[in-house]
Amino acid sequence: MSGNGAVWGRVRRRLRAFPERLAACGAEAAAYGRCVQASTVPGGRLRKDLCAQEFEALRSCFAAAAKKTLTGGH
């Protein structure tokens, strides 16, 4: 069971690093938020795929952050 402690230690370190890695996606999150907000103002119409480009940029950033977290990359 002592080997299990080492595994959980690595998992905890990765999970602690994740919010910092996601913080690097601030510009993408802001762009997506602005797009959605502009679509929901009075008279605006939020439609599927209206903000697809901004969402894809945010998703890609999150995926890269998750990959760095999993691999322990910097």
Foldseek 3Di string as FASTA:
>chain_A
DVVVVVVVVLVVVLVVCLVVQLVVCVVLVVLLVVQVVVQPDVVHHDDPPSSVVSVVSSVVSSVVSNVCSVVVHD
